């Protein structure tokens, strides 16, 4: 599997249009707060904490946020951040896919104790085009059971 960025992107002329485009690329639902776009969806995983099945967004996130380096300035790069929950068997394939498409993995850790199965949370980031970040993230996420 090899990542190819394809054609150059065109920058949307508003945060609302950018949010809609990110929704199309990543799936999920976009919201805007204080100039930051958050695209979120919940992973469809059967996770129990202390024996109780959970559907909490704190446990099952696939989140991406993008924000201009300087609020209100479309000519600067964006800070692009991602976080998702992973099953143990998904850690290495997703990490490898993110790195293959040029994204920086910044953390791998747990959030919760007493989970069944064991789960992990991975964070990744870039500075640059939010469209490119979303496309790279969506490409890497193909290795996950969503």
Foldseek 3Di string as FASTA:
>chain_A
DADDLPDDDDDDPDPVVVLVLLCVLQPAHWDDDPQKIKGKDFAPDQKDAVRHTDPDCVAGIWMKMWGFPDRPDPVGWIKIKTKGKDQPVCVVQLVVLLVNLPKAKDDKAADGPRMVPDMIMTMIIDIGDPSSVSNSNSRSCVSDRD
